[in-house]
């Protein structure tokens, strides 16, 4: 089971940026990523994707920025471009797994899809952790929400449910620590 896919690209990206002076978009995206401004880095990467779509380090940085900012649907394009090195292929599988888990959880919430027979690799991403627990029926259901307790950290828990907006239903995943909300993820 894949617990964690490690990507080592920061040094390579840093080196490629400095070898090619004038590649300001790469420098800016890396700077945003290092400052944990993932949403901005994801949007910046989208803006320059066509220009750098053949550079694996750029694509991985863009995809991880989008993942950390919960723009999971944006992973579809970079994951198809990541195919030339073992690291790129591992990261493409990582992104594909998370994207599929998101889609299947959304279908479970909307249509009641039975996930108990599904086995996918578990990753370190929060959506993957929740997906794995739901496939193993490790939850309680209350008012159309799935309540889960992290099996590795009993102080951490999750709540998965749908919210209706004017543009449709969004899947909401809330993370709690000692009963206090620490992060809310919104997916569509």
C-alpha atoms as a PDB file:
ATOM      1  CA  UNK A   1       0.000   0.000   0.000  1.00  0.00           C
ATOM      2  CA  UNK A   2       1.358   3.382  -0.909  1.00  0.00           C
ATOM      3  CA  UNK A   3       1.530   5.385   2.300  1.00  0.00           C
ATOM      4  CA  UNK A   4       3.544   8.241   0.965  1.00  0.00           C
ATOM      5  CA  UNK A   5       4.949   9.205  -2.387  1.00  0.00           C
ATOM      6  CA  UNK A   6       7.961  11.422  -1.881  1.00  0.00           C
ATOM      7  CA  UNK A   7       8.808  13.920  -4.522  1.00  0.00           C
ATOM      8  CA  UNK A   8      12.253  15.391  -4.691  1.00  0.00           C
ATOM      9  CA  UNK A   9      12.191  18.210  -7.118  1.00  0.00           C
ATOM     10  CA  UNK A  10      12.858  21.429  -5.252  1.00  0.00           C
ATOM     11  CA  UNK A  11      16.633  21.238  -5.633  1.00  0.00           C
ATOM     12  CA  UNK A  12      16.379  20.225  -9.289  1.00  0.00           C
ATOM     13  CA  UNK A  13      13.853  22.969  -9.949  1.00  0.00           C
ATOM     14  CA  UNK A  14      15.963  25.512  -8.097  1.00  0.00           C
ATOM     15  CA  UNK A  15      18.990  24.506 -10.162  1.00  0.00           C
ATOM     16  CA  UNK A  16      17.069  24.639 -13.446  1.00  0.00           C
ATOM     17  CA  UNK A  17      15.683  28.057 -12.569  1.00  0.00           C
ATOM     18  CA  UNK A  18      19.122  29.456 -11.911  1.00  0.00           C
ATOM     19  CA  UNK A  19      20.633  27.826 -14.974  1.00  0.00           C
ATOM     20  CA  UNK A  20      18.058  29.562 -17.143  1.00  0.00           C
ATOM     21  CA  UNK A  21      17.998  33.171 -16.043  1.00  0.00           C
ATOM     22  CA  UNK A  22      14.881  34.981 -17.097  1.00  0.00           C
ATOM     23  CA  UNK A  23      12.492  32.148 -16.230  1.00  0.00           C
ATOM     24  CA  UNK A  24      10.702  34.371 -13.752  1.00  0.00           C
ATOM     25  CA  UNK A  25       7.471  32.300 -13.779  1.00  0.00           C
ATOM     26  CA  UNK A  26       9.331  29.296 -12.359  1.00  0.00           C
ATOM     27  CA  UNK A  27      11.065  31.392  -9.733  1.00  0.00           C
ATOM     28  CA  UNK A  28       7.815  33.005  -8.666  1.00  0.00           C
ATOM     29  CA  UNK A  29       5.930  29.711  -8.431  1.00  0.00           C
ATOM     30  CA  UNK A  30       8.725  28.169  -6.360  1.00  0.00           C
ATOM     31  CA  UNK A  31       8.804  31.211  -4.074  1.00  0.00           C
ATOM     32  CA  UNK A  32       5.016  31.009  -3.556  1.00  0.00           C
ATOM     33  CA  UNK A  33       5.197  27.280  -2.870  1.00  0.00           C
ATOM     34  CA  UNK A  34       7.961  27.680  -0.292  1.00  0.00           C
ATOM     35  CA  UNK A  35       5.849  30.337   1.466  1.00  0.00           C
ATOM     36  CA  UNK A  36       2.929  27.848   1.498  1.00  0.00           C
ATOM     37  CA  UNK A  37       0.870  30.136  -0.714  1.00  0.00           C
ATOM     38  CA  UNK A  38      -0.336  27.110  -2.635  1.00  0.00           C
ATOM     39  CA  UNK A  39      -3.447  28.617  -4.197  1.00  0.00           C
ATOM     40  CA  UNK A  40      -1.407  31.419  -5.746  1.00  0.00           C
ATOM     41  CA  UNK A  41       1.273  28.970  -6.897  1.00  0.00           C
ATOM     42  CA  UNK A  42      -1.402  26.742  -8.471  1.00  0.00           C
ATOM     43  CA  UNK A  43      -2.976  29.676 -10.293  1.00  0.00           C
ATOM     44  CA  UNK A  44       0.466  30.883 -11.415  1.00  0.00           C
ATOM     45  CA  UNK A  45       1.302  27.399 -12.695  1.00  0.00           C
ATOM     46  CA  UNK A  46      -1.965  27.246 -14.610  1.00  0.00           C
ATOM     47  CA  UNK A  47      -1.165  30.576 -16.221  1.00  0.00           C
ATOM     48  CA  UNK A  48       2.217  29.320 -17.492  1.00  0.00           C
ATOM     49  CA  UNK A  49       1.399  25.634 -17.948  1.00  0.00           C
ATOM     50  CA  UNK A  50       1.503  25.633 -21.753  1.00  0.00           C
ATOM     51  CA  UNK A  51       4.880  27.354 -21.725  1.00  0.00           C
ATOM     52  CA  UNK A  52       6.475  24.765 -19.377  1.00  0.00           C
ATOM     53  CA  UNK A  53       4.355  21.652 -20.009  1.00  0.00           C
ATOM     54  CA  UNK A  54       7.371  19.592 -21.027  1.00  0.00           C
ATOM     55  CA  UNK A  55       9.365  20.355 -17.857  1.00  0.00           C
ATOM     56  CA  UNK A  56       8.668  17.676 -15.274  1.00  0.00           C
ATOM     57  CA  UNK A  57       9.808  19.701 -12.279  1.00  0.00           C
ATOM     58  CA  UNK A  58       7.524  22.582 -13.230  1.00  0.00           C
ATOM     59  CA  UNK A  59       4.585  20.211 -13.717  1.00  0.00           C
ATOM     60  CA  UNK A  60       5.171  18.493 -10.364  1.00  0.00           C
ATOM     61  CA  UNK A  61       5.441  21.810  -8.541  1.00  0.00           C
ATOM     62  CA  UNK A  62       2.252  23.004 -10.225  1.00  0.00           C
ATOM     63  CA  UNK A  63       0.390  19.786  -9.378  1.00  0.00           C
ATOM     64  CA  UNK A  64       1.497  19.704  -5.726  1.00  0.00           C
ATOM     65  CA  UNK A  65       0.526  23.383  -5.385  1.00  0.00           C
ATOM     66  CA  UNK A  66      -2.943  22.561  -6.711  1.00  0.00           C
ATOM     67  CA  UNK A  67      -3.221  19.523  -4.439  1.00  0.00           C
ATOM     68  CA  UNK A  68      -2.316  21.547  -1.336  1.00  0.00           C
ATOM     69  CA  UNK A  69      -4.878  24.201  -2.279  1.00  0.00           C
ATOM     70  CA  UNK A  70      -7.614  21.547  -2.805  1.00  0.00           C
ATOM     71  CA  UNK A  71      -7.862  22.195  -6.552  1.00  0.00           C
ATOM     72  CA  UNK A  72      -7.845  18.452  -7.127  1.00  0.00           C
ATOM     73  CA  UNK A  73      -9.615  18.572 -10.482  1.00  0.00           C
ATOM     74  CA  UNK A  74      -6.630  20.472 -11.888  1.00  0.00           C
ATOM     75  CA  UNK A  75      -4.479  17.362 -11.343  1.00  0.00           C
ATOM     76  CA  UNK A  76      -5.918  15.593 -14.399  1.00  0.00           C
ATOM     77  CA  UNK A  77      -3.808  17.490 -16.944  1.00  0.00           C
ATOM     78  CA  UNK A  78      -0.433  17.400 -15.153  1.00  0.00           C
ATOM     79  CA  UNK A  79      -0.772  13.720 -14.263  1.00  0.00           C
ATOM     80  CA  UNK A  80      -0.975  12.814 -17.950  1.00  0.00           C
ATOM     81  CA  UNK A  81       2.165  14.832 -18.665  1.00  0.00           C
ATOM     82  CA  UNK A  82       4.193  13.146 -15.900  1.00  0.00           C
ATOM     83  CA  UNK A  83       5.510  10.065 -17.688  1.00  0.00           C
ATOM     84  CA  UNK A  84       9.210  10.390 -18.471  1.00  0.00           C
ATOM     85  CA  UNK A  85      10.988   9.489 -15.225  1.00  0.00           C
ATOM     86  CA  UNK A  86      10.230   7.080 -12.372  1.00  0.00           C
ATOM     87  CA  UNK A  87       9.528  10.030 -10.043  1.00  0.00           C
ATOM     88  CA  UNK A  88       7.135  11.593 -12.544  1.00  0.00           C
ATOM     89  CA  UNK A  89       5.275   8.301 -12.982  1.00  0.00           C
ATOM     90  CA  UNK A  90       5.015   7.763  -9.204  1.00  0.00           C
ATOM     91  CA  UNK A  91       3.635  11.250  -8.736  1.00  0.00           C
ATOM     92  CA  UNK A  92       1.192  10.759 -11.631  1.00  0.00           C
ATOM     93  CA  UNK A  93      -0.118   7.623  -9.890  1.00  0.00           C
ATOM     94  CA  UNK A  94      -0.350   9.531  -6.611  1.00  0.00           C
ATOM     95  CA  UNK A  95      -2.421  12.297  -8.245  1.00  0.00           C
ATOM     96  CA  UNK A  96      -4.618   9.812 -10.143  1.00  0.00           C
ATOM     97  CA  UNK A  97      -5.352   7.912  -6.920  1.00  0.00           C
ATOM     98  CA  UNK A  98      -6.423  11.053  -5.073  1.00  0.00           C
ATOM     99  CA  UNK A  99      -8.533  12.290  -7.983  1.00  0.00           C
ATOM    100  CA  UNK A 100     -10.321   8.928  -8.235  1.00  0.00           C
ATOM    101  CA  UNK A 101     -10.886   8.800  -4.471  1.00  0.00           C
ATOM    102  CA  UNK A 102     -12.393  12.276  -4.560  1.00  0.00           C
ATOM    103  CA  UNK A 103     -14.747  11.358  -7.401  1.00  0.00           C
ATOM    104  CA  UNK A 104     -15.837   8.135  -5.685  1.00  0.00           C
ATOM    105  CA  UNK A 105     -16.465   9.833  -2.328  1.00  0.00           C
ATOM    106  CA  UNK A 106     -18.538  12.478  -4.093  1.00  0.00           C
ATOM    107  CA  UNK A 107     -20.567   9.738  -5.787  1.00  0.00           C
ATOM    108  CA  UNK A 108     -21.057   7.996  -2.433  1.00  0.00           C
ATOM    109  CA  UNK A 109     -22.412  11.183  -0.896  1.00  0.00           C
ATOM    110  CA  UNK A 110     -24.719  11.928  -3.836  1.00  0.00           C
ATOM    111  CA  UNK A 111     -25.786   8.465  -4.979  1.00  0.00           C
ATOM    112  CA  UNK A 112     -24.981   6.135  -2.092  1.00  0.00           C
ATOM    113  CA  UNK A 113     -22.248   4.261  -3.980  1.00  0.00           C
ATOM    114  CA  UNK A 114     -21.073   1.239  -1.997  1.00  0.00           C
ATOM    115  CA  UNK A 115     -17.299   1.546  -1.581  1.00  0.00           C
ATOM    116  CA  UNK A 116     -16.706  -1.473   0.654  1.00  0.00           C
ATOM    117  CA  UNK A 117     -15.392  -3.641  -2.209  1.00  0.00           C
ATOM    118  CA  UNK A 118     -13.041  -0.929  -3.505  1.00  0.00           C
ATOM    119  CA  UNK A 119      -9.345  -1.113  -2.665  1.00  0.00           C
ATOM    120  CA  UNK A 120      -7.068   1.685  -3.779  1.00  0.00           C
ATOM    121  CA  UNK A 121      -3.636   2.684  -2.491  1.00  0.00           C
ATOM    122  CA  UNK A 122      -3.744   4.805   0.638  1.00  0.00           C
ATOM    123  CA  UNK A 123      -1.740   8.004   0.470  1.00  0.00           C
ATOM    124  CA  UNK A 124      -0.879  10.594   3.091  1.00  0.00           C
ATOM    125  CA  UNK A 125      -3.414  13.064   1.671  1.00  0.00           C
ATOM    126  CA  UNK A 126      -6.412  13.695   3.949  1.00  0.00           C
ATOM    127  CA  UNK A 127      -8.997  12.725   1.342  1.00  0.00           C
ATOM    128  CA  UNK A 128      -7.228   9.406   0.844  1.00  0.00           C
ATOM    129  CA  UNK A 129      -7.180   8.721   4.573  1.00  0.00           C
ATOM    130  CA  UNK A 130     -10.930   9.361   4.788  1.00  0.00           C
ATOM    131  CA  UNK A 131     -11.588   7.275   1.656  1.00  0.00           C
ATOM    132  CA  UNK A 132      -9.744   4.306   3.163  1.00  0.00           C
ATOM    133  CA  UNK A 133     -11.716   4.500   6.412  1.00  0.00           C
ATOM    134  CA  UNK A 134     -15.029   4.715   4.543  1.00  0.00           C
ATOM    135  CA  UNK A 135     -14.192   1.662   2.407  1.00  0.00           C
ATOM    136  CA  UNK A 136     -13.593  -0.225   5.674  1.00  0.00           C
ATOM    137  CA  UNK A 137     -16.832   1.061   7.292  1.00  0.00           C
ATOM    138  CA  UNK A 138     -14.838   2.863  10.007  1.00  0.00           C
ATOM    139  CA  UNK A 139     -17.320   5.700  10.470  1.00  0.00           C
ATOM    140  CA  UNK A 140     -20.614   6.681  11.992  1.00  0.00           C
ATOM    141  CA  UNK A 141     -23.276   8.450  10.019  1.00  0.00           C
ATOM    142  CA  UNK A 142     -25.301  11.269  11.525  1.00  0.00           C
ATOM    143  CA  UNK A 143     -27.615  13.638   9.620  1.00  0.00           C
ATOM    144  CA  UNK A 144     -26.130  12.689   6.212  1.00  0.00           C
ATOM    145  CA  UNK A 145     -22.599  13.341   7.472  1.00  0.00           C
ATOM    146  CA  UNK A 146     -19.850  10.766   7.900  1.00  0.00           C
ATOM    147  CA  UNK A 147     -17.940  11.095  11.167  1.00  0.00           C
ATOM    148  CA  UNK A 148     -14.550   9.420  11.334  1.00  0.00           C
ATOM    149  CA  UNK A 149     -11.789   9.122  13.922  1.00  0.00           C
ATOM    150  CA  UNK A 150      -8.225   8.856  12.670  1.00  0.00           C
ATOM    151  CA  UNK A 151      -6.953   5.378  13.485  1.00  0.00           C
ATOM    152  CA  UNK A 152      -3.362   6.649  13.891  1.00  0.00           C
ATOM    153  CA  UNK A 153      -4.242   9.664  16.043  1.00  0.00           C
ATOM    154  CA  UNK A 154      -7.415   9.344  18.159  1.00  0.00           C
ATOM    155  CA  UNK A 155      -7.334  13.096  18.865  1.00  0.00           C
ATOM    156  CA  UNK A 156      -7.917  13.778  15.172  1.00  0.00           C
ATOM    157  CA  UNK A 157     -11.300  13.343  13.519  1.00  0.00           C
ATOM    158  CA  UNK A 158     -13.057  14.162  10.262  1.00  0.00           C
ATOM    159  CA  UNK A 159     -16.516  15.080   9.069  1.00  0.00           C
ATOM    160  CA  UNK A 160     -17.523  14.487   5.444  1.00  0.00           C
ATOM    161  CA  UNK A 161     -20.773  15.851   4.027  1.00  0.00           C
ATOM    162  CA  UNK A 162     -22.405  17.779   1.168  1.00  0.00           C
ATOM    163  CA  UNK A 163     -23.366  21.443   1.042  1.00  0.00           C
ATOM    164  CA  UNK A 164     -25.642  22.886  -1.597  1.00  0.00           C
ATOM    165  CA  UNK A 165     -24.607  26.049  -3.421  1.00  0.00           C
ATOM    166  CA  UNK A 166     -26.139  27.890  -6.347  1.00  0.00           C
ATOM    167  CA  UNK A 167     -23.748  26.095  -8.720  1.00  0.00           C
ATOM    168  CA  UNK A 168     -24.406  22.643  -7.275  1.00  0.00           C
ATOM    169  CA  UNK A 169     -23.328  20.472  -4.394  1.00  0.00           C
ATOM    170  CA  UNK A 170     -19.877  20.625  -2.878  1.00  0.00           C
ATOM    171  CA  UNK A 171     -18.216  17.927  -0.842  1.00  0.00           C
ATOM    172  CA  UNK A 172     -16.955  19.307   2.464  1.00  0.00           C
ATOM    173  CA  UNK A 173     -14.268  17.592   4.519  1.00  0.00           C
ATOM    174  CA  UNK A 174     -13.540  19.076   7.911  1.00  0.00           C
ATOM    175  CA  UNK A 175     -10.529  18.147  10.030  1.00  0.00           C
ATOM    176  CA  UNK A 176     -10.745  18.372  13.820  1.00  0.00           C
ATOM    177  CA  UNK A 177      -8.093  18.127  16.518  1.00  0.00           C
ATOM    178  CA  UNK A 178      -9.349  17.588  20.084  1.00  0.00           C
ATOM    179  CA  UNK A 179     -12.836  18.477  18.836  1.00  0.00           C
ATOM    180  CA  UNK A 180     -11.746  21.848  17.424  1.00  0.00           C
ATOM    181  CA  UNK A 181     -12.041  22.575  13.714  1.00  0.00           C
ATOM    182  CA  UNK A 182      -8.548  23.045  12.238  1.00  0.00           C
ATOM    183  CA  UNK A 183      -9.196  22.935   8.479  1.00  0.00           C
ATOM    184  CA  UNK A 184     -12.040  22.801   5.998  1.00  0.00           C
ATOM    185  CA  UNK A 185     -11.587  21.367   2.506  1.00  0.00           C
ATOM    186  CA  UNK A 186     -14.149  22.157  -0.225  1.00  0.00           C
ATOM    187  CA  UNK A 187     -14.360  20.015  -3.319  1.00  0.00           C
ATOM    188  CA  UNK A 188     -16.687  20.159  -6.313  1.00  0.00           C
END
